[in-house]
């Protein structure tokens, strides 16, 4: 399983940044996301920033990772906590289409057979 970590930029220079998050500090490659500044939130995977995040989205990802860690460690109460945001499994088709950036009709079209009703 591949999991990106939300990390906050401490310092940045050409193509690299010093970031912290989830109990670690590391130097990462930022060439995929462009120039960064102290305070920027990044989604980091295998030593490279893959996506820019806002603070709210970084907190959502942290909450989801906390739930995952609780479940893996056997913490039943922690694993059952409210993540504080809607999981895709609880979203409507319109919400999923908005999340993925697809139009509602476009999201439904590939699996529909001519004559089916949406």
C-alpha atoms as a PDB file:
ATOM      1  CA  UNK A   1       0.000   0.000   0.000  1.00  0.00           C
ATOM      2  CA  UNK A   2       1.288   3.459  -0.905  1.00  0.00           C
ATOM      3  CA  UNK A   3       0.565   6.204   1.592  1.00  0.00           C
ATOM      4  CA  UNK A   4       1.576   9.842   1.271  1.00  0.00           C
ATOM      5  CA  UNK A   5       2.181  11.855   4.425  1.00  0.00           C
ATOM      6  CA  UNK A   6       1.088  15.452   4.952  1.00  0.00           C
ATOM      7  CA  UNK A   7       4.166  17.467   5.903  1.00  0.00           C
ATOM      8  CA  UNK A   8       4.740  21.167   6.603  1.00  0.00           C
ATOM      9  CA  UNK A   9       7.660  22.970   5.012  1.00  0.00           C
ATOM     10  CA  UNK A  10      10.246  24.335   7.463  1.00  0.00           C
ATOM     11  CA  UNK A  11      12.758  25.621   4.898  1.00  0.00           C
ATOM     12  CA  UNK A  12      12.926  25.500   1.119  1.00  0.00           C
ATOM     13  CA  UNK A  13      15.567  26.031  -1.546  1.00  0.00           C
ATOM     14  CA  UNK A  14      15.839  25.209  -5.236  1.00  0.00           C
ATOM     15  CA  UNK A  15      14.222  21.808  -5.798  1.00  0.00           C
ATOM     16  CA  UNK A  16      14.299  20.720  -2.159  1.00  0.00           C
ATOM     17  CA  UNK A  17      12.692  21.428   1.194  1.00  0.00           C
ATOM     18  CA  UNK A  18      13.086  20.492   4.833  1.00  0.00           C
ATOM     19  CA  UNK A  19       9.685  19.271   6.044  1.00  0.00           C
ATOM     20  CA  UNK A  20       8.140  17.933   9.246  1.00  0.00           C
ATOM     21  CA  UNK A  21       5.093  15.825   9.940  1.00  0.00           C
ATOM     22  CA  UNK A  22       3.855  12.677  11.666  1.00  0.00           C
ATOM     23  CA  UNK A  23       6.844  12.699  14.036  1.00  0.00           C
ATOM     24  CA  UNK A  24       9.574  12.974  11.441  1.00  0.00           C
ATOM     25  CA  UNK A  25      11.742  15.629   9.803  1.00  0.00           C
ATOM     26  CA  UNK A  26      13.288  15.027   6.389  1.00  0.00           C
ATOM     27  CA  UNK A  27      14.685  16.695   3.301  1.00  0.00           C
ATOM     28  CA  UNK A  28      12.556  16.057   0.206  1.00  0.00           C
ATOM     29  CA  UNK A  29      12.591  16.727  -3.531  1.00  0.00           C
ATOM     30  CA  UNK A  30      10.069  19.423  -4.547  1.00  0.00           C
ATOM     31  CA  UNK A  31      10.594  19.484  -8.313  1.00  0.00           C
ATOM     32  CA  UNK A  32       7.159  17.935  -8.989  1.00  0.00           C
ATOM     33  CA  UNK A  33       5.300  20.744  -7.154  1.00  0.00           C
ATOM     34  CA  UNK A  34       7.544  23.719  -7.874  1.00  0.00           C
ATOM     35  CA  UNK A  35       8.898  26.337  -5.489  1.00  0.00           C
ATOM     36  CA  UNK A  36       7.802  26.062  -1.869  1.00  0.00           C
ATOM     37  CA  UNK A  37       8.021  28.367   1.123  1.00  0.00           C
ATOM     38  CA  UNK A  38       8.129  27.847   4.874  1.00  0.00           C
ATOM     39  CA  UNK A  39       4.654  26.948   6.112  1.00  0.00           C
ATOM     40  CA  UNK A  40       3.478  25.271   2.901  1.00  0.00           C
ATOM     41  CA  UNK A  41       1.766  21.881   3.298  1.00  0.00           C
ATOM     42  CA  UNK A  42       2.819  19.070   0.957  1.00  0.00           C
ATOM     43  CA  UNK A  43       1.789  15.466   0.439  1.00  0.00           C
ATOM     44  CA  UNK A  44       5.078  13.536   0.596  1.00  0.00           C
ATOM     45  CA  UNK A  45       5.729  10.016  -0.661  1.00  0.00           C
ATOM     46  CA  UNK A  46       9.105   8.286  -0.978  1.00  0.00           C
ATOM     47  CA  UNK A  47      11.162  11.421  -0.427  1.00  0.00           C
ATOM     48  CA  UNK A  48       9.321  13.679  -2.869  1.00  0.00           C
ATOM     49  CA  UNK A  49       6.449  16.150  -2.674  1.00  0.00           C
ATOM     50  CA  UNK A  50       3.632  14.822  -4.862  1.00  0.00           C
ATOM     51  CA  UNK A  51       0.938  17.438  -4.229  1.00  0.00           C
ATOM     52  CA  UNK A  52       0.363  20.780  -2.538  1.00  0.00           C
ATOM     53  CA  UNK A  53      -2.205  20.735   0.273  1.00  0.00           C
ATOM     54  CA  UNK A  54      -4.087  23.356   2.219  1.00  0.00           C
ATOM     55  CA  UNK A  55      -4.012  23.084   6.028  1.00  0.00           C
ATOM     56  CA  UNK A  56      -7.549  21.657   6.135  1.00  0.00           C
ATOM     57  CA  UNK A  57      -6.775  18.821   3.723  1.00  0.00           C
ATOM     58  CA  UNK A  58      -3.519  18.064   5.563  1.00  0.00           C
ATOM     59  CA  UNK A  59      -5.527  17.747   8.810  1.00  0.00           C
ATOM     60  CA  UNK A  60      -8.020  15.408   7.100  1.00  0.00           C
ATOM     61  CA  UNK A  61      -5.235  13.145   5.870  1.00  0.00           C
ATOM     62  CA  UNK A  62      -3.626  13.179   9.331  1.00  0.00           C
ATOM     63  CA  UNK A  63      -6.977  12.159  10.876  1.00  0.00           C
ATOM     64  CA  UNK A  64      -7.346   9.287   8.402  1.00  0.00           C
ATOM     65  CA  UNK A  65      -3.781   8.116   9.132  1.00  0.00           C
ATOM     66  CA  UNK A  66      -4.498   8.290  12.873  1.00  0.00           C
ATOM     67  CA  UNK A  67      -7.525   6.000  12.360  1.00  0.00           C
ATOM     68  CA  UNK A  68      -5.424   3.604  10.289  1.00  0.00           C
ATOM     69  CA  UNK A  69      -2.693   3.472  12.930  1.00  0.00           C
ATOM     70  CA  UNK A  70      -5.280   2.905  15.670  1.00  0.00           C
ATOM     71  CA  UNK A  71      -6.817   0.026  13.739  1.00  0.00           C
ATOM     72  CA  UNK A  72      -3.452  -1.565  13.002  1.00  0.00           C
ATOM     73  CA  UNK A  73      -2.414  -1.330  16.648  1.00  0.00           C
ATOM     74  CA  UNK A  74      -5.656  -2.930  17.874  1.00  0.00           C
ATOM     75  CA  UNK A  75      -7.065   0.261  19.431  1.00  0.00           C
ATOM     76  CA  UNK A  76     -10.763  -0.511  18.904  1.00  0.00           C
ATOM     77  CA  UNK A  77     -11.998   2.790  20.345  1.00  0.00           C
ATOM     78  CA  UNK A  78      -9.508   4.863  18.359  1.00  0.00           C
ATOM     79  CA  UNK A  79     -10.204   2.941  15.154  1.00  0.00           C
ATOM     80  CA  UNK A  80     -13.929   3.629  15.482  1.00  0.00           C
ATOM     81  CA  UNK A  81     -13.507   7.385  15.922  1.00  0.00           C
ATOM     82  CA  UNK A  82     -15.177   9.878  13.620  1.00  0.00           C
ATOM     83  CA  UNK A  83     -12.619  10.928  10.983  1.00  0.00           C
ATOM     84  CA  UNK A  84     -14.154  14.419  10.861  1.00  0.00           C
ATOM     85  CA  UNK A  85     -14.752  14.279   7.105  1.00  0.00           C
ATOM     86  CA  UNK A  86     -16.794  12.230   4.647  1.00  0.00           C
ATOM     87  CA  UNK A  87     -15.192   9.020   3.487  1.00  0.00           C
ATOM     88  CA  UNK A  88     -15.782   8.195  -0.201  1.00  0.00           C
ATOM     89  CA  UNK A  89     -17.825   5.133   0.815  1.00  0.00           C
ATOM     90  CA  UNK A  90     -20.354   7.471   2.485  1.00  0.00           C
ATOM     91  CA  UNK A  91     -20.605   9.914  -0.445  1.00  0.00           C
ATOM     92  CA  UNK A  92     -23.354  10.210  -3.030  1.00  0.00           C
ATOM     93  CA  UNK A  93     -22.607   9.844  -6.746  1.00  0.00           C
ATOM     94  CA  UNK A  94     -22.725  13.637  -7.131  1.00  0.00           C
ATOM     95  CA  UNK A  95     -20.259  14.128  -4.250  1.00  0.00           C
ATOM     96  CA  UNK A  96     -17.885  11.535  -5.727  1.00  0.00           C
ATOM     97  CA  UNK A  97     -18.106  13.211  -9.135  1.00  0.00           C
ATOM     98  CA  UNK A  98     -17.278  16.568  -7.529  1.00  0.00           C
ATOM     99  CA  UNK A  99     -14.372  14.993  -5.624  1.00  0.00           C
ATOM    100  CA  UNK A 100     -12.865  13.496  -8.774  1.00  0.00           C
ATOM    101  CA  UNK A 101     -13.614  16.522 -10.941  1.00  0.00           C
ATOM    102  CA  UNK A 102     -15.854  14.528 -13.278  1.00  0.00           C
ATOM    103  CA  UNK A 103     -19.266  15.663 -14.411  1.00  0.00           C
ATOM    104  CA  UNK A 104     -22.056  13.532 -12.920  1.00  0.00           C
ATOM    105  CA  UNK A 105     -23.114  12.237 -16.335  1.00  0.00           C
ATOM    106  CA  UNK A 106     -19.519  11.493 -17.342  1.00  0.00           C
ATOM    107  CA  UNK A 107     -18.902   9.526 -14.157  1.00  0.00           C
ATOM    108  CA  UNK A 108     -21.950   7.328 -14.755  1.00  0.00           C
ATOM    109  CA  UNK A 109     -21.659   6.926 -18.533  1.00  0.00           C
ATOM    110  CA  UNK A 110     -18.909   4.259 -18.855  1.00  0.00           C
ATOM    111  CA  UNK A 111     -20.912   1.525 -17.129  1.00  0.00           C
ATOM    112  CA  UNK A 112     -24.353   2.366 -18.501  1.00  0.00           C
ATOM    113  CA  UNK A 113     -25.978   0.383 -21.310  1.00  0.00           C
ATOM    114  CA  UNK A 114     -28.087   2.155 -23.912  1.00  0.00           C
ATOM    115  CA  UNK A 115     -31.611   2.500 -22.561  1.00  0.00           C
ATOM    116  CA  UNK A 116     -30.595   2.391 -18.872  1.00  0.00           C
ATOM    117  CA  UNK A 117     -31.848   5.172 -16.678  1.00  0.00           C
ATOM    118  CA  UNK A 118     -29.283   7.039 -14.494  1.00  0.00           C
END
